[in-house]
Every structure is written in structure tokens, then in C-alpha cells.
Protein backbone atom coordinates (compact mmCIF):
# COMPACT_ATOMS: atom_id res chain seq x y z
CA MET A 1 72.75 -119.68 -28.74
CA PRO A 2 70.43 -122.70 -28.80
CA ALA A 3 67.34 -122.59 -26.65
CA ALA A 4 67.11 -125.01 -23.79
CA ALA A 5 64.82 -127.95 -24.38
CA VAL A 6 61.52 -127.30 -22.62
CA TYR A 7 59.44 -130.19 -23.89
CA SER A 8 59.49 -133.95 -23.99
CA THR A 9 58.04 -136.69 -26.18
CA ASP A 10 56.95 -138.45 -22.98
CA PRO A 11 53.15 -138.04 -22.54
CA ALA A 12 53.65 -137.80 -18.78
CA ALA A 13 55.91 -134.74 -19.10
CA PRO A 14 54.48 -131.35 -18.08
CA VAL A 15 55.27 -130.03 -21.58
CA TRP A 16 54.48 -132.81 -24.04
CA ALA A 17 55.36 -132.64 -27.73
CA PRO A 18 53.92 -135.75 -29.38
CA PRO A 19 55.23 -136.56 -32.84
CA VAL A 20 53.11 -135.38 -35.75
CA ALA A 21 52.62 -136.81 -39.23
CA ALA A 22 53.96 -135.22 -42.38
CA ALA A 23 51.89 -132.41 -43.86
CA ALA A 24 49.65 -133.19 -46.81
CA PRO A 25 50.56 -131.04 -49.82
CA ARG A 26 48.38 -127.95 -50.09
CA GLY A 27 48.36 -124.72 -52.07
CA LEU A 28 47.60 -121.73 -49.86
CA CYS A 29 48.55 -123.19 -46.50
CA THR A 30 50.05 -122.05 -43.21
CA ASP A 31 50.30 -125.60 -41.82
CA CYS A 32 47.77 -125.20 -39.01
CA GLY A 33 48.04 -128.95 -38.44
CA VAL A 34 44.75 -130.22 -39.87
CA SER A 35 46.48 -131.73 -42.90
CA ARG A 36 48.68 -133.75 -40.49
CA SER A 37 45.68 -135.34 -38.77
CA SER A 38 44.14 -138.72 -39.58
CA THR A 39 41.55 -136.86 -41.69
CA PRO A 40 43.54 -134.41 -43.83
CA GLN A 41 40.50 -133.98 -46.09
CA ASP A 42 39.03 -131.81 -43.33
CA CYS A 43 41.14 -128.98 -44.72
CA GLY A 44 38.47 -128.48 -47.36
CA ARG A 45 35.95 -127.23 -44.81
CA ALA A 46 38.25 -125.93 -42.10
CA CYS A 47 40.73 -123.72 -43.96
CA GLN A 48 40.29 -119.96 -43.96
CA PHE A 49 42.06 -119.82 -47.34
CA ILE A 50 39.46 -121.91 -49.18
CA ARG A 51 35.96 -120.57 -48.47
CA PRO A 52 35.77 -118.92 -45.05
CA ASP A 53 32.38 -118.24 -43.50
CA TYR A 54 33.03 -115.83 -40.67
CA ALA A 55 29.41 -114.80 -40.16
CA THR A 56 28.30 -118.37 -39.43
CA LEU A 57 31.23 -119.14 -37.14
CA GLU A 58 31.00 -115.81 -35.32
CA ALA A 59 27.34 -116.51 -34.59
CA ARG A 60 28.17 -120.04 -33.43
CA VAL A 61 31.04 -118.97 -31.17
CA HIS A 62 29.83 -115.61 -29.85
CA GLY A 63 26.06 -115.91 -30.21
CA ARG A 64 25.98 -113.32 -32.99
CA ALA A 65 27.95 -112.19 -36.02
CA ARG A 66 29.73 -108.84 -36.04
CA ASP A 67 27.53 -105.77 -36.24
CA ALA A 68 29.04 -103.41 -38.82
CA GLY A 69 26.90 -100.61 -37.42
CA ARG A 70 28.46 -100.92 -33.96
CA PRO A 71 31.67 -98.93 -33.50
CA ASP A 72 34.76 -101.00 -34.32
CA GLU A 73 33.07 -104.36 -34.95
CA LEU A 74 33.63 -104.09 -38.71
CA HIS A 75 37.35 -103.81 -37.97
CA PHE A 76 37.80 -106.05 -34.92
CA GLY A 77 34.89 -108.52 -34.99
CA PRO A 78 32.33 -109.19 -32.23
CA PHE A 79 33.27 -108.10 -28.73
CA THR A 80 31.74 -107.19 -25.40
CA ARG A 81 34.49 -104.80 -24.35
CA MET A 82 38.09 -103.81 -25.03
CA LEU A 83 40.81 -103.09 -22.48
CA ARG A 84 44.24 -101.55 -22.31
CA ALA A 85 45.91 -103.78 -19.75
CA SER A 86 49.04 -105.10 -18.10
CA LEU A 87 49.99 -107.53 -15.36
CA ALA A 88 51.34 -106.15 -12.12
CA PRO A 89 54.00 -107.13 -11.56
CA PRO A 90 54.98 -108.04 -15.13
CA ARG A 91 56.29 -111.57 -15.60
CA GLY A 92 59.96 -111.89 -16.42
CA GLY A 93 60.73 -113.26 -19.86
CA ALA A 94 57.26 -112.49 -21.20
CA GLN A 95 56.76 -110.91 -24.61
CA TRP A 96 54.83 -108.05 -22.99
CA THR A 97 53.76 -108.48 -19.36
CA GLY A 98 52.68 -112.13 -19.56
CA ILE A 99 48.89 -111.97 -19.73
CA ALA A 100 48.40 -114.95 -22.08
CA THR A 101 50.89 -117.07 -20.14
CA ARG A 102 49.31 -116.18 -16.82
CA ILE A 103 45.84 -117.07 -18.06
CA GLY A 104 47.17 -120.48 -19.06
CA GLU A 105 48.69 -120.89 -15.59
CA ARG A 106 45.44 -119.92 -13.90
CA LEU A 107 43.39 -122.32 -16.01
CA LEU A 108 45.68 -125.15 -14.94
CA GLU A 109 45.94 -123.99 -11.32
CA THR A 110 42.17 -123.89 -10.92
CA GLY A 111 41.59 -127.19 -12.71
CA ALA A 112 39.46 -125.50 -15.36
CA VAL A 113 41.37 -127.37 -18.09
CA ASP A 114 43.35 -130.58 -18.39
CA ALA A 115 45.92 -129.05 -20.75
CA VAL A 116 46.91 -125.93 -22.64
CA LEU A 117 47.72 -126.37 -26.33
CA THR A 118 50.34 -123.85 -27.41
CA VAL A 119 53.88 -123.68 -28.82
CA ALA A 120 57.29 -123.98 -27.19
CA PRO A 121 60.73 -123.01 -28.54
CA ASP A 122 62.59 -125.67 -30.48
CA ALA A 123 65.49 -127.20 -28.57
CA GLN A 124 68.02 -125.97 -31.15
CA ASP A 125 66.35 -122.74 -32.28
CA ARG A 126 64.50 -120.45 -29.87
CA TRP A 127 62.56 -118.88 -32.74
CA ARG A 128 61.15 -122.11 -34.21
CA PRO A 129 57.71 -123.05 -32.79
CA VAL A 130 57.00 -126.58 -31.61
CA PRO A 131 53.37 -127.51 -30.78
CA VAL A 132 53.03 -128.76 -27.22
CA LEU A 133 50.46 -129.70 -24.60
CA VAL A 134 51.16 -128.16 -21.19
CA THR A 135 49.62 -129.92 -18.19
CA GLU A 136 51.24 -128.18 -15.20
CA ALA A 137 50.85 -124.51 -14.35
CA SER A 138 54.52 -124.09 -13.47
CA ALA A 139 55.49 -125.30 -16.94
CA MET A 140 53.72 -122.42 -18.70
CA ALA A 141 56.78 -120.26 -18.04
CA ALA A 142 58.70 -122.44 -20.49
CA VAL A 143 56.48 -121.43 -23.43
CA ARG A 144 56.59 -117.64 -22.94
CA GLY A 145 57.49 -115.30 -25.75
CA MET A 146 57.15 -115.04 -29.49
CA ARG A 147 57.99 -117.75 -32.00
CA MET A 148 58.24 -117.14 -35.74
CA GLY A 149 57.35 -119.77 -38.30
CA TYR A 150 54.63 -122.28 -39.05
CA ALA A 151 53.46 -124.57 -36.28
CA PRO A 152 51.03 -127.47 -36.92
CA LEU A 153 49.26 -126.73 -33.65
CA LEU A 154 46.02 -128.55 -34.44
CA ALA A 155 47.85 -131.80 -35.18
CA LEU A 156 47.91 -132.22 -31.39
CA LEU A 157 44.11 -132.29 -31.01
CA GLU A 158 44.02 -136.05 -31.69
CA PRO A 159 46.81 -136.87 -29.21
CA ALA A 160 45.01 -134.71 -26.63
CA ARG A 161 41.77 -136.63 -27.07
CA ALA A 162 43.60 -139.96 -27.07
CA ARG A 163 45.21 -138.96 -23.77
CA GLY A 164 41.74 -138.42 -22.33
CA TYR A 165 41.82 -134.65 -22.08
CA LYS A 166 38.25 -133.35 -22.00
CA ARG A 167 38.84 -129.70 -21.16
CA LEU A 168 41.32 -127.81 -23.29
CA ALA A 169 42.67 -124.28 -23.66
CA VAL A 170 44.23 -123.28 -26.98
CA ILE A 171 46.54 -120.32 -27.54
CA GLY A 172 46.74 -119.77 -31.27
CA ILE A 173 46.95 -117.43 -34.24
CA PRO A 174 43.97 -116.70 -36.53
CA CYS A 175 44.43 -119.38 -39.19
CA GLN A 176 44.75 -122.02 -36.46
CA VAL A 177 41.73 -120.69 -34.57
CA TYR A 178 39.53 -120.53 -37.67
CA ALA A 179 40.19 -124.22 -38.42
CA LEU A 180 39.68 -125.12 -34.76
CA ARG A 181 36.30 -123.43 -34.69
CA ALA A 182 35.24 -124.99 -37.99
CA LEU A 183 35.86 -128.44 -36.52
CA GLU A 184 34.96 -127.73 -32.89
CA ALA A 185 31.51 -129.32 -32.84
CA GLU A 186 32.88 -132.77 -33.66
CA LEU A 187 36.01 -132.68 -31.50
CA GLY A 188 34.11 -133.72 -28.39
CA PHE A 189 35.77 -131.51 -25.80
CA GLU A 190 33.59 -130.75 -22.78
CA LYS A 191 35.16 -127.33 -22.42
CA LEU A 192 37.23 -125.29 -24.84
CA TYR A 193 38.82 -121.93 -24.09
CA VAL A 194 40.48 -120.09 -26.97
CA ILE A 195 43.03 -117.35 -26.35
CA GLY A 196 43.92 -115.72 -29.64
CA THR A 197 46.85 -113.53 -30.59
CA PRO A 198 46.64 -111.12 -33.53
CA CYS A 199 48.75 -112.17 -36.47
CA SER A 200 49.80 -111.30 -39.96
CA ASP A 201 53.03 -111.32 -41.89
CA ASN A 202 54.30 -114.65 -40.61
CA THR A 203 57.14 -116.29 -42.47
CA THR A 204 59.33 -119.36 -42.21
CA THR A 205 61.78 -119.56 -39.34
CA LYS A 206 64.59 -119.70 -41.91
CA ASN A 207 63.40 -116.45 -43.47
CA PHE A 208 63.10 -114.86 -40.05
CA HIS A 209 66.75 -115.58 -39.37
CA ARG A 210 67.59 -113.73 -42.59
CA PHE A 211 65.68 -110.73 -41.23
CA LEU A 212 67.51 -110.87 -37.90
CA ALA A 213 70.81 -110.93 -39.76
CA LEU A 214 69.90 -107.59 -41.34
CA LEU A 215 69.26 -106.06 -37.93
CA SER A 216 72.43 -107.07 -36.11
CA ASP A 217 75.98 -108.26 -36.68
CA ALA A 218 75.33 -110.90 -34.02
CA PRO A 219 71.79 -112.11 -34.80
CA GLU A 220 72.31 -115.30 -32.81
CA THR A 221 72.39 -113.17 -29.63
CA ILE A 222 68.95 -111.61 -30.20
CA THR A 223 66.55 -113.06 -27.63
CA TYR A 224 63.49 -110.86 -28.17
CA LEU A 225 61.87 -108.94 -31.01
CA GLU A 226 58.63 -106.98 -30.93
CA PHE A 227 56.89 -104.61 -33.33
CA ARG A 228 55.58 -101.93 -30.99
CA ALA A 229 52.65 -99.57 -31.37
CA ASP A 230 55.02 -96.57 -31.08
CA TYR A 231 56.37 -97.31 -34.58
CA HIS A 232 59.54 -98.96 -33.32
CA VAL A 233 60.90 -102.49 -33.24
CA GLU A 234 62.44 -103.47 -29.93
CA LEU A 235 65.34 -105.92 -29.77
CA ARG A 236 66.84 -107.50 -26.66
CA PHE A 237 70.14 -109.33 -26.56
CA ALA A 238 71.62 -112.14 -24.52
CA ASP A 239 74.02 -109.70 -22.80
CA GLY A 240 71.13 -107.56 -21.51
CA ARG A 241 71.32 -104.82 -24.14
CA HIS A 242 68.14 -103.27 -25.57
CA GLN A 243 67.82 -101.60 -28.96
CA THR A 244 64.91 -99.87 -30.68
CA ILE A 245 64.69 -99.30 -34.43
CA PRO A 246 62.10 -96.98 -36.02
CA PHE A 247 59.88 -98.76 -38.53
CA LEU A 248 61.11 -96.42 -41.24
CA GLN A 249 64.69 -97.55 -40.63
CA LEU A 250 63.97 -101.26 -41.03
CA PRO A 251 65.77 -102.90 -43.99
CA LEU A 252 62.53 -104.20 -45.53
CA SER A 253 63.67 -103.36 -49.06
CA GLN A 254 66.46 -105.93 -48.67
CA LEU A 255 64.01 -108.80 -48.11
CA PRO A 256 63.12 -111.05 -51.06
CA PRO A 257 59.67 -110.57 -52.64
CA ASP A 258 58.48 -113.93 -51.32
CA PHE A 259 59.67 -113.28 -47.76
CA PHE A 260 56.01 -113.17 -46.67
CA PRO A 261 53.94 -115.92 -48.31
CA LEU A 262 50.74 -115.13 -50.17
CA THR A 263 48.68 -116.57 -47.31
CA CYS A 264 50.01 -114.01 -44.86
CA ARG A 265 49.75 -111.18 -47.36
CA THR A 266 46.08 -112.05 -47.80
CA CYS A 267 45.06 -112.74 -44.20
CA VAL A 268 41.55 -111.42 -43.54
CA ASP A 269 41.57 -111.98 -39.78
CA TYR A 270 44.30 -109.90 -38.18
CA THR A 271 42.48 -109.66 -34.82
CA ASN A 272 41.58 -113.34 -34.34
CA VAL A 273 37.82 -112.77 -34.28
CA LEU A 274 36.89 -116.37 -33.35
CA ALA A 275 38.90 -116.41 -30.12
CA ASP A 276 37.12 -115.99 -26.79
CA LEU A 277 39.75 -113.44 -25.85
CA THR A 278 42.24 -111.70 -28.12
CA VAL A 279 45.49 -110.63 -26.47
CA GLY A 280 47.65 -108.33 -28.57
CA TYR A 281 49.35 -104.97 -28.61
CA MET A 282 48.06 -102.88 -31.53
CA GLY A 283 45.51 -100.86 -29.58
CA GLY A 284 47.43 -100.83 -26.32
CA GLU A 285 49.65 -97.74 -26.61
CA GLY A 286 52.52 -99.47 -24.87
CA GLU A 287 50.42 -101.95 -22.95
CA GLN A 288 48.50 -105.03 -24.06
CA TRP A 289 45.21 -104.75 -25.87
CA LEU A 290 42.48 -107.17 -24.82
CA ILE A 291 39.38 -107.81 -26.92
CA VAL A 292 36.88 -109.66 -24.74
CA ARG A 293 34.47 -111.35 -27.14
CA ASN A 294 32.05 -113.46 -25.09
CA ALA A 295 31.28 -114.89 -21.65
CA ARG A 296 34.17 -117.33 -21.81
CA GLY A 297 36.47 -114.39 -22.56
CA GLU A 298 35.11 -112.62 -19.48
CA ASP A 299 35.85 -115.74 -17.43
CA LEU A 300 39.43 -115.73 -18.68
CA VAL A 301 39.94 -112.10 -17.70
CA ALA A 302 38.35 -112.76 -14.31
CA LEU A 303 40.95 -115.45 -13.60
CA LEU A 304 43.59 -112.72 -13.33
CA GLY A 305 41.80 -110.85 -10.53
CA ASP A 306 43.75 -107.95 -9.07
CA GLU A 307 46.86 -108.94 -11.02
CA LEU A 308 45.35 -107.29 -14.08
CA LYS A 309 45.56 -103.51 -14.26
CA ALA A 310 43.10 -102.39 -16.92
CA ARG A 311 41.43 -99.31 -18.33
CA ALA A 312 39.63 -98.29 -21.49
CA PRO A 313 41.87 -98.06 -24.57
CA GLY A 314 42.60 -94.67 -26.08
CA SER A 315 42.50 -93.47 -29.66
CA ALA A 316 44.31 -90.55 -31.30
CA GLY A 317 45.50 -89.32 -34.68
CA LYS A 318 44.03 -90.00 -38.10
CA ARG A 319 44.61 -93.13 -40.12
CA ALA A 320 43.36 -92.10 -43.58
CA GLY A 321 46.62 -90.55 -44.80
CA PRO A 322 48.93 -93.38 -43.75
CA VAL A 323 46.50 -95.98 -45.10
CA ARG A 324 46.31 -94.23 -48.49
CA GLY A 325 50.09 -94.07 -48.61
CA PHE A 326 50.23 -97.78 -47.83
CA LEU A 327 47.73 -98.47 -50.63
CA ALA A 328 49.85 -96.60 -53.18
CA ASN A 329 53.05 -98.41 -52.16
CA THR A 330 51.34 -101.82 -52.11
CA GLU A 331 49.95 -101.28 -55.61
CA ARG A 332 53.39 -100.33 -56.89
CA ALA A 333 55.09 -103.29 -55.21
CA ALA A 334 52.44 -105.76 -56.41
CA GLY A 335 52.92 -104.45 -59.93
CA GLY A 336 56.66 -105.03 -59.77
CA LEU A 337 57.53 -101.33 -59.58
CA PRO A 338 60.11 -100.03 -57.14
CA LEU A 339 58.82 -98.32 -54.04
CA ARG A 340 59.32 -94.59 -53.76
CA PRO A 341 61.78 -94.40 -50.89
CA MET A 342 61.62 -91.57 -48.40
CA PRO A 343 64.73 -89.39 -48.54
CA GLY A 344 67.23 -90.44 -45.93
CA TRP A 345 67.31 -87.01 -44.29
CA LEU A 346 63.53 -87.10 -43.81
CA ARG A 347 63.32 -90.52 -42.18
CA PRO A 348 64.47 -89.48 -38.68
CA ILE A 349 62.06 -86.55 -38.74
CA VAL A 350 59.07 -88.64 -39.75
CA GLY A 351 60.18 -91.38 -37.34
CA TRP A 352 60.07 -88.80 -34.54
CA LEU A 353 56.71 -87.41 -35.63
CA MET A 354 54.74 -90.64 -36.16
CA PRO A 355 54.53 -91.70 -32.49
CA ARG A 356 53.33 -88.19 -31.70
CA ILE A 357 50.92 -87.30 -34.51
CA GLY A 358 50.28 -90.58 -36.33
CA PRO A 359 47.41 -92.93 -35.49
CA ARG A 360 47.71 -94.27 -31.94
CA GLY A 361 45.76 -96.67 -29.80
CA LEU A 362 42.60 -97.96 -31.44
CA GLU A 363 43.19 -95.71 -34.45
CA PHE A 364 46.53 -97.47 -34.99
CA ALA A 365 44.75 -100.83 -34.80
CA ARG A 366 42.08 -99.69 -37.28
CA ALA A 367 44.81 -98.56 -39.65
CA ARG A 368 46.61 -101.90 -39.52
CA VAL A 369 43.38 -103.84 -40.12
CA GLU A 370 42.58 -101.67 -43.14
CA MET A 371 46.11 -102.12 -44.46
CA LYS A 372 45.78 -105.88 -44.21
CA ALA A 373 42.44 -105.75 -46.03
CA ILE A 374 44.04 -103.67 -48.80
CA GLU A 375 46.89 -106.16 -49.11
CA THR A 376 44.39 -109.00 -49.41
CA VAL A 377 42.56 -107.47 -52.34
CA ILE A 378 45.63 -106.25 -54.23
CA HIS A 379 47.70 -109.41 -53.91
CA LEU A 380 44.86 -111.83 -54.61
CA ARG A 381 43.87 -109.84 -57.70
CA ARG A 382 47.38 -110.16 -59.02
CA GLU A 383 48.28 -113.71 -57.98
CA GLN A 384 45.06 -115.70 -57.46
CA PRO A 385 42.18 -113.74 -59.04
CA ARG A 386 39.92 -116.78 -59.42
CA LYS A 387 40.00 -117.38 -55.67
CA MET A 388 38.86 -113.89 -54.70
CA LYS A 389 35.13 -114.51 -54.57
CA ASN A 390 35.64 -117.42 -52.18
CA ILE A 391 38.47 -116.11 -49.99
CA VAL A 392 37.47 -112.47 -49.52
CA PRO A 393 34.61 -112.21 -46.99
CA PRO A 394 32.11 -109.31 -47.12
CA GLN A 395 33.67 -107.39 -44.22
CA VAL A 396 36.90 -106.93 -46.16
CA TRP A 397 35.09 -105.04 -48.91
CA GLY A 398 33.58 -102.81 -46.26
CA LEU A 399 37.07 -101.93 -45.05
CA VAL A 400 38.62 -101.16 -48.44
CA GLU A 401 35.78 -99.45 -50.31
CA PRO A 402 36.44 -96.07 -48.60
CA TYR A 403 39.86 -96.15 -50.30
CA GLY A 404 38.47 -96.78 -53.78
CA LEU A 405 38.93 -100.55 -53.93
CA ILE A 406 35.60 -101.74 -55.31
CA PRO A 407 34.78 -105.38 -56.13
CA ARG A 408 34.97 -106.14 -59.82
CA ASP A 409 32.76 -108.57 -61.69
CA GLY A 410 33.12 -112.04 -60.21
CA GLU A 411 35.06 -110.90 -57.12
CA ARG A 412 32.22 -110.69 -54.62
CA ARG A 413 30.74 -113.91 -53.27
CA SER A 414 27.07 -114.40 -54.06
CA GLY A 415 24.73 -115.80 -51.39
């Protein structure tokens, strides 16, 4: 079923989707939108897949770079505190309980920003993201939920400035936020709030539809999909049905090798470390996981007042075993060898055990970050070895060295 149109090309509309230019051709690219601007050459210094400098940008954004000696900063980046949180009552139609959407509403309600830059569903395809500028709090409800695919979000920075917007909030994924921060000083906004969502394993919207077709005989009726921290995928359908599928039962072996592009298999910033506030699920144990990174992030949380029910996140289980298993399978897959499938009779048993004895809460999040770091090293070594010394930042080596992945000659950046 097509999604209802929620945006307009009219600049006076509460959800404005100005037209964007064609993308400039690039190699490793997730189409953050910089190449569609009037200065596409800015990609050279703004792209996280060319020569990222997280230490410098972390210090610029948060006042300091991550402290690898402080618990969890090697994995999650700089932060002041972390929360396990939910909105009460939860917002209908939200991906989780609606924290990111509600923050956008509150920023507009209080006049803290002129617009929120985010994505809306395409008029013909609810899963395809369309970059939009939202200027009315009530319109934030129209952009709730997950989209899957590439969205040139930052192509709307120039239309926002041309419209006279001085104070902006941006809700984006890591590759978009890295480029935003790299260019922030010259953008000229008086105030910029950045709400980041964790991300990896993005793909094209077309590929995502292929995945949905493997999950259901009526994929066009799926209205919601979420990878949950209890090792299940949750589906919701247009008729109100819910379905959960254990991770181990997902038909991942039926996906083509290029289903996930090299960029997403080599993402070094799962937790969106340059956002003021990261809103995700990995460390939430069934709720949302907030990483408050600086004073602006604290201001964003404060906007929710008593609507936010929060407590310290938990941590349980041990990640080392699952991460080592992931390393072995990733090495086999990258080398073109078939994965060693788990016997069918064992899958339900392990699927039952993992939510109970596997890594949970922050330990689950640490495991996923280490897995992404392992993917980065293995896939870049095989497919783009000459780029490793520039793309792989020092913190990634700190995450993978405990598993025996040591930088080879020429792989570690000097200076």
C-alpha cells in the first residue's frame, strides 16, 4: 500500500521537500547530500569514507575527544551519561516510543529552532526516505518511523539557509552527521542541535523490498520492522498483526553478496559519536538507549520533562564468545567460503537461550560495536586495502586487537 504524501515542494508547507540536484559520482558513498550541493568538492574533506578525523571533531563538538580509559568511551564515543528510557505514554506510530520525534516537536513548540531537518516517507513507498524540513510541531508526526535507503539529507542545508533559517535541528545517521560536523563551522547557523540515530547495514530501498519479500508472502502489507535487542525482528502489518522472528531464523543466506554496500560493511561509527544526543535501542533492553554527549544533549533531554521515564542502563552476559564466532563467519564469508550453518534442530534452542544468557543491555551494544569494527577491517583488507590507513581510525584498532586483528604494515595511519 502506498504511503500517504506527507510533504510538499511548497516552501510554506509545514513539511517541505525542496528539489535536490543530481548526485556527483563518487566511489565509497552513502549519498549524504554533500555531493548534491553547489560545492560537491566539499566531499573531499567532509566524507567519513575518505580520511575521517574523529578525534578533532569530537573535541570540537564535545569539548574533548573520547577517553579510551573511561568505561565505554572506546566503544560509544564521548558522553556525559547514558539512559535506558521511554516516553510515557508512548506515541502511536513511533518506531519505539517516539523520543526523537517528540524532541523535534518540543524544539519547534518552544521556538528553539526554525526547522527540523529529517526524512519523511516517499509518497509512493513508505520505506523510501525523502529529505524534508519540518517547520511546525504538529507535522513531526508525519515523519515518524524507520526508512530504509539512502537519503541526501544534507542537500537541504542550502535551501534552509536560503529560506532564512538560523536555528536548525538535524536528525540523522552517522555518515550524514560526520559530514555535517565537518562543515558546520562555515554553515553559519546560530544554533544547531543534532539528534543522531545509530546505524549500520543500510541498503537501497529496492534491496530492502527484496528482504521484506523473504519475510512475508504479502510484503506490501508490512508497515513496521525493527531489529530488537532481544535477538528478534519484529514485524507489524496493515491488518494489525504482529510477528517476531528470531535472528537465527532470518533468511540472510538468501540475500545477494552485495546486499549491503561496502560503505555500510565498513562503517566505523555505529553509535553516531558526533551527535549531541544519540537515540537508539542497542543498550536499552526493550526500551530506548540514550547517549547524552554534551550540554546541548542535556538540553534536548530536558525538553521532555516528566514525559521521559529514565533509569541507568543494565548490562549482562558476555560478548567475547559471540564476537569471536562472528569474526570466524565474517572471515569465511569475505573469503568466498560458505558459512557453517547451525543445524536446523539447534536454531530454536539457541534462539531461546540468547535473550536469556547472551549479551544484553550495554554488553549487547559493546558486542555490536566490536562486530562492526571487525567487519571494517576484514572487508577493507579484501576489497580496498590501499584505503585502510586513511579510513580506519585508531579507535577501531583498539576494538579489534583483543580478537587478534592486528594492523599490518601500511594499515595504520601515521601522525
